[in-house]
N, C-alpha and C. Protein backbone atom coordinates (compact mmCIF):
# COMPACT_ATOMS: atom_id res chain seq x y z
N MET A 1 51.11 -37.85 -14.22
CA MET A 1 50.30 -37.71 -15.19
C MET A 1 48.93 -38.15 -14.84
N LYS A 2 48.90 -39.44 -14.16
CA LYS A 2 47.46 -39.85 -13.67
C LYS A 2 46.85 -39.23 -12.66
N ILE A 3 47.61 -38.19 -11.60
CA ILE A 3 46.95 -37.57 -10.86
C ILE A 3 46.43 -36.39 -11.51
N LYS A 4 47.19 -35.65 -12.38
CA LYS A 4 46.73 -34.58 -13.39
C LYS A 4 45.27 -34.92 -13.95
N SER A 5 45.40 -35.94 -14.42
CA SER A 5 44.02 -36.46 -15.23
C SER A 5 42.93 -36.58 -14.32
N ILE A 6 43.18 -37.08 -12.99
CA ILE A 6 42.14 -37.57 -12.09
C ILE A 6 41.82 -36.13 -11.60
N LEU A 7 42.66 -35.07 -11.23
CA LEU A 7 42.23 -33.63 -10.79
C LEU A 7 41.52 -32.98 -11.52
N LEU A 8 41.85 -33.02 -13.22
CA LEU A 8 41.13 -32.41 -14.35
C LEU A 8 39.99 -32.94 -14.28
N GLY A 9 39.78 -34.39 -14.28
CA GLY A 9 38.31 -34.77 -14.39
C GLY A 9 37.35 -34.48 -13.03
N MET A 10 38.08 -34.30 -12.01
CA MET A 10 37.19 -33.91 -10.85
C MET A 10 36.78 -32.55 -10.83
N SER A 11 37.60 -31.78 -11.36
CA SER A 11 37.34 -30.36 -11.35
C SER A 11 36.34 -29.96 -12.65
N LEU A 12 36.31 -30.88 -13.76
CA LEU A 12 35.27 -30.87 -14.43
C LEU A 12 33.75 -31.23 -14.18
N ALA A 13 34.15 -32.18 -13.51
CA ALA A 13 32.83 -32.74 -12.74
C ALA A 13 32.07 -31.67 -11.81
N LEU A 14 33.13 -31.23 -11.08
CA LEU A 14 32.55 -30.04 -10.18
C LEU A 14 31.94 -29.05 -10.59
N SER A 15 32.62 -28.52 -11.70
CA SER A 15 32.06 -27.25 -12.72
C SER A 15 30.83 -27.72 -13.35
N LEU A 16 30.75 -29.04 -13.78
CA LEU A 16 29.24 -29.13 -14.57
C LEU A 16 28.30 -29.25 -13.10
N VAL A 17 28.51 -29.88 -11.98
CA VAL A 17 27.52 -29.60 -10.96
C VAL A 17 27.28 -28.39 -10.55
N ALA A 18 28.25 -27.28 -10.41
CA ALA A 18 28.16 -26.08 -9.92
C ALA A 18 27.42 -25.19 -11.08
N CYS A 19 27.16 -25.62 -12.36
CA CYS A 19 26.61 -24.90 -13.23
C CYS A 19 25.16 -25.48 -13.47
N ALA A 20 24.89 -26.69 -12.88
CA ALA A 20 23.44 -26.94 -13.04
C ALA A 20 22.50 -25.95 -12.08
N PRO A 21 21.43 -25.74 -12.53
CA PRO A 21 20.44 -24.67 -11.89
C PRO A 21 20.18 -25.27 -10.53
N LYS A 22 20.02 -24.47 -9.48
CA LYS A 22 19.58 -24.99 -8.09
C LYS A 22 18.18 -24.77 -8.23
N ASP A 23 17.52 -25.79 -7.10
CA ASP A 23 16.13 -25.64 -6.92
C ASP A 23 15.50 -24.85 -6.82
N ALA A 24 16.08 -23.76 -5.66
CA ALA A 24 15.60 -22.55 -5.56
C ALA A 24 15.58 -21.49 -6.71
N ASP A 25 16.28 -21.85 -7.55
CA ASP A 25 16.33 -20.76 -9.05
C ASP A 25 15.19 -21.50 -9.94
N ILE A 26 15.27 -22.62 -9.85
CA ILE A 26 14.13 -23.40 -10.73
C ILE A 26 12.69 -22.91 -10.37
N GLN A 27 12.46 -23.08 -8.81
CA GLN A 27 11.30 -22.84 -8.28
C GLN A 27 11.12 -21.40 -8.70
N LYS A 28 12.00 -20.50 -8.55
CA LYS A 28 11.59 -19.13 -8.63
C LYS A 28 11.15 -18.67 -10.28
N GLU A 29 11.86 -19.31 -11.06
CA GLU A 29 11.22 -19.32 -12.61
C GLU A 29 9.94 -19.81 -12.63
N ILE A 30 9.67 -20.59 -12.37
CA ILE A 30 8.50 -21.67 -12.28
C ILE A 30 7.28 -20.55 -11.67
N SER A 31 7.54 -20.18 -10.48
CA SER A 31 6.57 -19.40 -9.92
C SER A 31 6.43 -17.92 -10.80
N GLU A 32 7.40 -17.54 -11.38
CA GLU A 32 7.04 -16.30 -12.32
C GLU A 32 6.27 -16.61 -13.31
N LYS A 33 6.56 -17.84 -13.98
CA LYS A 33 5.87 -18.29 -15.10
C LYS A 33 4.52 -18.66 -14.74
N LEU A 34 4.22 -19.00 -13.50
CA LEU A 34 2.81 -19.26 -12.98
C LEU A 34 2.30 -18.27 -12.12
N SER A 35 2.64 -16.99 -12.11
CA SER A 35 2.30 -15.95 -11.28
C SER A 35 0.67 -15.49 -11.43
N ASP A 36 0.03 -15.89 -12.73
CA ASP A 36 -1.42 -15.52 -13.02
C ASP A 36 -2.10 -16.86 -12.65
N THR A 37 -1.78 -17.87 -12.00
CA THR A 37 -2.47 -18.98 -11.45
C THR A 37 -2.15 -19.19 -10.20
N PRO A 38 -2.99 -18.50 -9.40
CA PRO A 38 -2.52 -18.58 -7.70
C PRO A 38 -3.08 -19.65 -7.04
N SER A 39 -3.96 -20.35 -7.83
CA SER A 39 -4.64 -21.87 -7.35
C SER A 39 -3.43 -22.97 -7.56
N VAL A 40 -2.69 -22.52 -8.21
CA VAL A 40 -1.69 -23.68 -8.24
C VAL A 40 -0.03 -23.32 -7.71
N LYS A 41 0.49 -24.21 -6.97
CA LYS A 41 1.76 -23.91 -6.30
C LYS A 41 2.65 -25.13 -6.67
N VAL A 42 3.92 -24.80 -6.88
CA VAL A 42 5.05 -25.82 -7.36
C VAL A 42 6.19 -25.41 -6.40
N THR A 43 6.65 -26.86 -6.00
CA THR A 43 7.93 -26.75 -5.23
C THR A 43 8.98 -27.76 -6.08
N VAL A 44 10.20 -27.57 -5.76
CA VAL A 44 11.17 -28.26 -6.63
C VAL A 44 12.17 -28.78 -5.56
N HIS A 45 12.51 -30.03 -5.68
CA HIS A 45 13.46 -30.82 -4.92
C HIS A 45 14.15 -31.82 -5.62
N GLU A 46 15.42 -31.48 -5.91
CA GLU A 46 16.71 -32.20 -6.69
C GLU A 46 16.02 -32.04 -8.21
N GLY A 47 15.53 -31.01 -8.48
CA GLY A 47 15.07 -31.09 -10.06
C GLY A 47 13.68 -31.93 -10.23
N VAL A 48 13.18 -32.20 -9.39
CA VAL A 48 11.73 -32.81 -9.21
C VAL A 48 10.58 -31.84 -9.07
N ALA A 49 9.88 -31.23 -9.91
CA ALA A 49 8.87 -30.39 -9.65
C ALA A 49 7.68 -30.89 -9.35
N THR A 50 6.90 -30.65 -8.20
CA THR A 50 5.59 -31.10 -7.70
C THR A 50 4.69 -30.09 -7.66
N ILE A 51 3.65 -30.16 -8.30
CA ILE A 51 2.42 -29.23 -8.88
C ILE A 51 1.43 -29.69 -7.79
N VAL A 52 1.03 -28.51 -7.08
CA VAL A 52 -0.25 -28.99 -6.17
C VAL A 52 -1.40 -27.67 -6.39
N GLY A 53 -2.52 -28.18 -6.06
CA GLY A 53 -3.45 -27.17 -6.25
C GLY A 53 -4.52 -27.64 -6.88
N THR A 54 -5.54 -26.36 -7.53
CA THR A 54 -6.89 -26.69 -8.08
C THR A 54 -6.63 -26.16 -9.52
N CYS A 55 -7.02 -27.14 -10.36
CA CYS A 55 -7.12 -26.81 -11.73
C CYS A 55 -8.49 -26.84 -12.13
N ASP A 56 -8.97 -25.61 -13.10
CA ASP A 56 -10.15 -25.62 -13.67
C ASP A 56 -10.83 -26.93 -14.47
N ASP A 57 -9.80 -27.73 -15.14
CA ASP A 57 -10.14 -29.07 -16.19
C ASP A 57 -8.87 -29.45 -16.55
N ASP A 58 -9.01 -30.52 -17.22
CA ASP A 58 -7.89 -31.40 -17.48
C ASP A 58 -6.92 -30.86 -18.45
N ALA A 59 -7.54 -30.16 -19.20
CA ALA A 59 -6.50 -29.27 -20.30
C ALA A 59 -5.68 -28.18 -19.55
N PHE A 60 -6.42 -27.39 -18.63
CA PHE A 60 -5.81 -26.46 -17.80
C PHE A 60 -4.49 -27.23 -17.08
N LYS A 61 -4.88 -28.53 -16.49
CA LYS A 61 -3.80 -29.37 -15.70
C LYS A 61 -2.75 -29.60 -16.60
N GLN A 62 -2.82 -30.03 -17.87
CA GLN A 62 -1.92 -30.61 -18.84
C GLN A 62 -1.01 -29.23 -19.32
N ASN A 63 -1.55 -28.01 -19.51
CA ASN A 63 -0.74 -26.88 -19.80
C ASN A 63 -0.06 -26.50 -18.81
N ILE A 64 -0.51 -26.46 -17.43
CA ILE A 64 0.61 -26.14 -16.38
C ILE A 64 1.66 -27.06 -16.27
N GLU A 65 1.17 -28.50 -16.72
CA GLU A 65 2.43 -29.44 -16.56
C GLU A 65 3.50 -29.14 -17.58
N ARG A 66 3.09 -28.82 -18.74
CA ARG A 66 3.91 -28.67 -20.01
C ARG A 66 4.91 -27.55 -19.65
N SER A 67 4.25 -26.37 -18.89
CA SER A 67 4.91 -25.05 -18.71
C SER A 67 5.97 -25.14 -17.59
N VAL A 68 5.68 -26.25 -16.68
CA VAL A 68 6.64 -26.58 -15.73
C VAL A 68 7.82 -27.49 -16.48
N LYS A 69 7.54 -28.08 -17.25
CA LYS A 69 8.63 -29.45 -17.82
C LYS A 69 9.44 -28.54 -18.77
N ALA A 70 8.86 -27.42 -19.15
CA ALA A 70 9.87 -26.48 -20.02
C ALA A 70 10.86 -25.43 -19.34
N VAL A 71 10.78 -25.75 -18.31
CA VAL A 71 11.56 -24.73 -17.37
C VAL A 71 13.12 -25.35 -17.32
N LYS A 72 14.12 -24.81 -17.62
CA LYS A 72 15.39 -25.24 -17.70
C LYS A 72 15.88 -26.00 -16.10
N GLY A 73 16.37 -27.14 -16.25
CA GLY A 73 16.74 -27.57 -14.93
C GLY A 73 15.70 -28.58 -14.18
N VAL A 74 14.46 -28.76 -14.82
CA VAL A 74 13.44 -29.67 -14.41
C VAL A 74 13.64 -31.01 -14.79
N LYS A 75 13.81 -31.85 -13.90
CA LYS A 75 14.36 -33.24 -14.45
C LYS A 75 12.59 -33.99 -14.84
N SER A 76 11.87 -33.97 -13.93
CA SER A 76 10.56 -34.61 -14.06
C SER A 76 9.48 -33.76 -13.22
N VAL A 77 8.20 -33.83 -13.71
CA VAL A 77 7.25 -33.14 -12.87
C VAL A 77 6.04 -34.30 -12.30
N VAL A 78 5.84 -33.96 -11.00
CA VAL A 78 4.70 -34.82 -10.53
C VAL A 78 3.60 -33.72 -10.35
N ASN A 79 2.38 -34.01 -11.06
CA ASN A 79 1.28 -33.18 -11.09
C ASN A 79 0.30 -33.76 -10.28
N ASN A 80 0.13 -33.20 -8.90
CA ASN A 80 -0.92 -33.53 -7.98
C ASN A 80 -2.07 -32.53 -8.15
N CYS A 81 -2.10 -31.70 -9.12
CA CYS A 81 -3.08 -30.69 -9.27
C CYS A 81 -4.81 -31.56 -9.36
N GLN A 82 -5.60 -31.03 -8.71
CA GLN A 82 -6.97 -31.61 -8.16
C GLN A 82 -7.96 -30.93 -9.05
N ILE A 83 -9.01 -31.68 -9.70
CA ILE A 83 -9.62 -30.98 -10.64
C ILE A 83 -11.14 -31.36 -10.02
N PRO A 84 -11.82 -30.11 -9.42
CA PRO A 84 -13.17 -30.06 -8.61
C PRO A 84 -14.13 -30.81 -9.50
N VAL A 85 -14.84 -31.71 -8.56
CA VAL A 85 -16.05 -32.29 -9.39
C VAL A 85 -17.23 -31.18 -9.41
N PRO A 86 -17.82 -31.16 -10.42
CA PRO A 86 -18.79 -29.86 -10.58
C PRO A 86 -19.87 -30.47 -9.78
N ASN A 87 -20.74 -29.45 -9.15
CA ASN A 87 -21.93 -29.46 -8.49
C ASN A 87 -23.09 -29.83 -9.33
N VAL A 88 -23.69 -31.09 -9.03
CA VAL A 88 -24.68 -31.54 -9.77
C VAL A 88 -25.82 -31.53 -8.83
N GLU A 89 -26.91 -30.70 -9.11
CA GLU A 89 -28.20 -30.59 -8.28
C GLU A 89 -28.82 -31.61 -8.66
N THR A 90 -29.47 -32.32 -7.69
CA THR A 90 -30.30 -33.46 -7.86
C THR A 90 -31.60 -32.91 -8.39
N PRO A 91 -32.38 -33.62 -9.22
CA PRO A 91 -33.65 -32.98 -9.61
C PRO A 91 -34.61 -33.12 -8.46
N ALA A 92 -35.40 -31.93 -8.49
CA ALA A 92 -36.39 -31.92 -7.64
C ALA A 92 -37.73 -33.14 -7.72
N ALA A 93 -38.10 -33.44 -6.53
CA ALA A 93 -38.90 -34.61 -6.79
C ALA A 93 -40.44 -34.12 -7.54
N ALA A 94 -40.82 -35.06 -8.22
CA ALA A 94 -42.00 -34.66 -8.83
C ALA A 94 -43.22 -34.54 -7.96
N VAL A 95 -43.87 -33.43 -8.47
CA VAL A 95 -45.09 -32.73 -7.73
C VAL A 95 -46.17 -33.83 -7.95
N VAL A 96 -46.82 -34.27 -6.87
CA VAL A 96 -47.83 -35.15 -7.02
C VAL A 96 -49.24 -34.26 -6.89
N ILE A 97 -50.05 -34.36 -7.85
CA ILE A 97 -51.55 -33.51 -7.72
C ILE A 97 -52.44 -34.64 -7.74
N ASN A 98 -53.38 -34.56 -6.82
CA ASN A 98 -54.24 -35.73 -7.02
C ASN A 98 -55.12 -35.26 -7.74
N SER A 99 -56.16 -36.24 -8.10
CA SER A 99 -57.42 -35.91 -9.24
C SER A 99 -58.52 -35.25 -8.43
N ASP A 100 -59.16 -34.56 -9.52
CA ASP A 100 -60.53 -33.82 -8.78
C ASP A 100 -61.33 -34.75 -8.19
N ALA A 101 -61.48 -35.79 -8.55
CA ALA A 101 -62.55 -36.86 -7.87
C ALA A 101 -61.96 -37.10 -6.44
N ASP A 102 -60.59 -37.40 -6.44
CA ASP A 102 -60.17 -37.97 -5.04
C ASP A 102 -60.07 -36.45 -4.25
N LEU A 103 -59.66 -35.35 -4.65
CA LEU A 103 -59.67 -34.31 -4.11
C LEU A 103 -61.06 -33.72 -3.62
N ASP A 104 -61.93 -33.85 -4.32
CA ASP A 104 -63.45 -33.62 -3.72
C ASP A 104 -63.78 -34.41 -2.60
N LYS A 105 -63.54 -35.71 -2.68
CA LYS A 105 -64.13 -36.69 -1.62
C LYS A 105 -63.12 -35.99 -0.39
N SER A 106 -61.81 -36.22 -0.39
CA SER A 106 -61.05 -35.72 0.61
C SER A 106 -61.26 -34.51 1.17
N VAL A 107 -61.37 -33.29 0.49
CA VAL A 107 -61.73 -31.99 1.06
C VAL A 107 -63.19 -32.03 1.47
N GLY A 108 -63.82 -32.77 1.01
CA GLY A 108 -65.13 -32.69 1.78
C GLY A 108 -65.33 -33.30 3.26
N LYS A 109 -64.37 -34.30 3.32
CA LYS A 109 -64.26 -34.93 4.56
C LYS A 109 -63.57 -33.89 5.56
N VAL A 110 -62.75 -33.12 4.97
CA VAL A 110 -61.97 -32.18 6.12
C VAL A 110 -62.71 -31.07 6.48
N VAL A 111 -63.65 -30.48 5.43
CA VAL A 111 -64.46 -29.44 5.59
C VAL A 111 -65.60 -29.51 6.39
N LYS A 112 -66.19 -30.87 6.55
CA LYS A 112 -67.16 -31.10 7.63
C LYS A 112 -66.78 -30.90 8.99
N ALA A 113 -65.57 -31.20 9.32
CA ALA A 113 -65.12 -30.41 10.73
C ALA A 113 -65.44 -28.95 10.85
N TYR A 114 -65.77 -28.15 9.98
CA TYR A 114 -65.36 -26.80 10.29
C TYR A 114 -66.85 -26.25 9.64
N ASP A 115 -67.61 -25.81 10.88
CA ASP A 115 -68.87 -25.25 10.56
C ASP A 115 -68.90 -24.03 9.38
N GLY A 116 -69.67 -23.80 8.60
CA GLY A 116 -69.71 -22.64 7.85
C GLY A 116 -68.53 -22.55 6.82
N VAL A 117 -67.69 -23.34 6.45
CA VAL A 117 -66.89 -23.48 5.57
C VAL A 117 -67.36 -24.45 4.20
N SER A 118 -67.28 -24.11 2.89
CA SER A 118 -67.51 -24.81 1.96
C SER A 118 -66.36 -24.96 0.97
N ALA A 119 -66.10 -25.98 0.04
CA ALA A 119 -65.01 -26.13 -0.87
C ALA A 119 -65.55 -26.68 -2.09
N THR A 120 -64.97 -26.24 -3.41
CA THR A 120 -64.94 -26.81 -4.33
C THR A 120 -63.79 -27.01 -5.13
N VAL A 121 -63.81 -27.98 -5.78
CA VAL A 121 -62.30 -28.36 -6.65
C VAL A 121 -62.72 -28.35 -8.30
N VAL A 122 -61.82 -27.66 -8.85
CA VAL A 122 -62.11 -27.56 -10.39
C VAL A 122 -60.53 -27.49 -10.62
N GLY A 123 -60.30 -28.20 -11.58
CA GLY A 123 -58.90 -28.65 -12.16
C GLY A 123 -57.72 -28.57 -11.05
N GLY A 124 -57.85 -29.30 -10.12
CA GLY A 124 -56.89 -29.38 -8.98
C GLY A 124 -56.93 -28.26 -8.19
N VAL A 125 -57.56 -27.23 -8.40
CA VAL A 125 -57.43 -26.03 -7.37
C VAL A 125 -58.75 -26.36 -6.41
N VAL A 126 -58.48 -26.00 -5.20
CA VAL A 126 -59.52 -26.06 -4.16
C VAL A 126 -59.93 -24.68 -3.74
N THR A 127 -60.92 -24.28 -3.97
CA THR A 127 -61.53 -23.09 -3.33
C THR A 127 -62.28 -23.09 -2.02
N LEU A 128 -61.79 -22.31 -0.97
CA LEU A 128 -62.51 -22.36 0.01
C LEU A 128 -63.35 -21.35 0.47
N SER A 129 -64.66 -21.31 0.67
CA SER A 129 -65.19 -19.92 0.99
C SER A 129 -66.37 -20.50 2.01
N GLY A 130 -66.75 -19.11 2.77
CA GLY A 130 -67.63 -19.30 3.78
C GLY A 130 -66.84 -18.46 5.10
N GLU A 131 -67.27 -18.90 6.35
CA GLU A 131 -66.95 -17.96 7.41
C GLU A 131 -66.06 -18.98 8.28
N ILE A 132 -65.07 -18.66 8.94
CA ILE A 132 -64.20 -19.56 10.05
C ILE A 132 -63.63 -18.70 10.81
N LYS A 133 -63.27 -19.12 12.21
CA LYS A 133 -62.68 -18.41 13.43
C LYS A 133 -61.23 -18.54 12.71
N ARG A 134 -60.48 -17.38 13.14
CA ARG A 134 -59.01 -17.12 12.91
C ARG A 134 -58.38 -18.53 13.38
N SER A 135 -58.71 -18.83 14.66
CA SER A 135 -57.94 -19.92 15.18
C SER A 135 -57.96 -21.36 14.25
N GLN A 136 -58.89 -21.46 13.86
CA GLN A 136 -59.28 -22.72 12.93
C GLN A 136 -58.77 -22.63 11.46
N LEU A 137 -58.19 -21.36 11.15
CA LEU A 137 -57.72 -21.12 9.68
C LEU A 137 -56.61 -22.00 9.43
N ALA A 138 -55.61 -21.84 10.25
CA ALA A 138 -54.22 -22.45 9.75
C ALA A 138 -54.56 -24.02 9.77
N PRO A 139 -55.10 -24.58 10.86
CA PRO A 139 -55.51 -26.08 10.68
C PRO A 139 -56.08 -26.46 9.41
N LEU A 140 -56.88 -25.67 9.13
CA LEU A 140 -57.71 -26.02 7.84
C LEU A 140 -57.04 -26.01 6.75
N ILE A 141 -56.30 -24.91 6.40
CA ILE A 141 -55.56 -24.81 5.28
C ILE A 141 -54.40 -25.89 5.12
N GLN A 142 -53.75 -26.29 6.24
CA GLN A 142 -52.87 -27.22 6.37
C GLN A 142 -53.38 -28.68 5.89
N SER A 143 -54.34 -29.01 6.58
CA SER A 143 -55.02 -30.22 6.23
C SER A 143 -55.34 -30.21 4.67
N VAL A 144 -55.96 -29.19 4.11
CA VAL A 144 -56.17 -29.32 2.58
C VAL A 144 -54.93 -29.21 1.80
N GLN A 145 -53.97 -28.60 2.21
CA GLN A 145 -52.67 -28.75 1.53
C GLN A 145 -52.06 -30.19 1.32
N GLU A 146 -52.39 -30.79 2.61
CA GLU A 146 -51.76 -32.08 2.73
C GLU A 146 -52.61 -33.24 1.82
N LEU A 147 -53.54 -32.71 1.09
CA LEU A 147 -54.39 -33.60 0.13
C LEU A 147 -53.79 -33.47 -1.20
N LYS A 148 -52.63 -32.38 -1.14
CA LYS A 148 -51.86 -32.43 -2.49
C LYS A 148 -52.62 -31.94 -3.66
N PRO A 149 -53.45 -30.67 -3.54
CA PRO A 149 -53.89 -29.89 -4.52
C PRO A 149 -53.06 -29.35 -5.56
N LYS A 150 -53.34 -28.83 -6.54
CA LYS A 150 -52.51 -27.97 -7.59
C LYS A 150 -52.32 -26.61 -6.86
N LYS A 151 -53.66 -26.13 -5.97
CA LYS A 151 -53.57 -24.62 -5.56
C LYS A 151 -54.73 -24.66 -4.46
N VAL A 152 -54.54 -23.99 -3.49
CA VAL A 152 -55.67 -23.51 -2.46
C VAL A 152 -55.90 -22.12 -2.60
N GLU A 153 -57.11 -21.80 -3.08
CA GLU A 153 -57.57 -20.61 -2.85
C GLU A 153 -58.55 -20.22 -1.78
N ASN A 154 -58.00 -19.26 -0.90
CA ASN A 154 -58.53 -19.14 0.22
C ASN A 154 -59.50 -17.57 0.14
N LYS A 155 -61.00 -18.08 0.04
CA LYS A 155 -61.94 -16.84 0.22
C LYS A 155 -62.72 -16.93 1.37
N LEU A 156 -62.07 -17.35 2.28
CA LEU A 156 -62.71 -17.38 3.70
C LEU A 156 -62.84 -16.12 4.27
N THR A 157 -64.04 -15.80 5.08
CA THR A 157 -63.99 -14.73 5.81
C THR A 157 -64.00 -14.95 7.24
N ILE A 158 -63.05 -14.06 7.99
CA ILE A 158 -62.63 -14.67 9.33
C ILE A 158 -63.69 -14.07 10.01
N LYS A 159 -64.33 -14.57 11.23
CA LYS A 159 -65.46 -14.02 11.93
C LYS A 159 -64.88 -13.70 13.27
């Protein structure tokens, strides 16, 4: 009688183990459930589902976890889904525009080196006029730009 009880108990235990969903079946069901989220993958080992991939935000991450937990045979869930850090652009450095008085003095010094060129400063805008050689134009414009005016208007004639 004892042997029959033991055999009956073992067969019952074996049938319960055999009826439990296999990891492959659980993973297949989860994959079907999450087919519309290609950025997330789930693996199952001994009933423990591990989620990996990229989630848009925390709410999305929690919804995926709930969906996986709801699958029959899942004992627990390890959610390793990553939420990307949003790209935050650094603000541009403030543009510094020198005052008209400072610009007028500085531009006057720069223009002295170029015969036939004159400059006026109004509202941060430097207006260059006169005649200049082509080879001197780029260095002049660069020198004036380095003084940080609001704008440089080139009304020079190239000779």
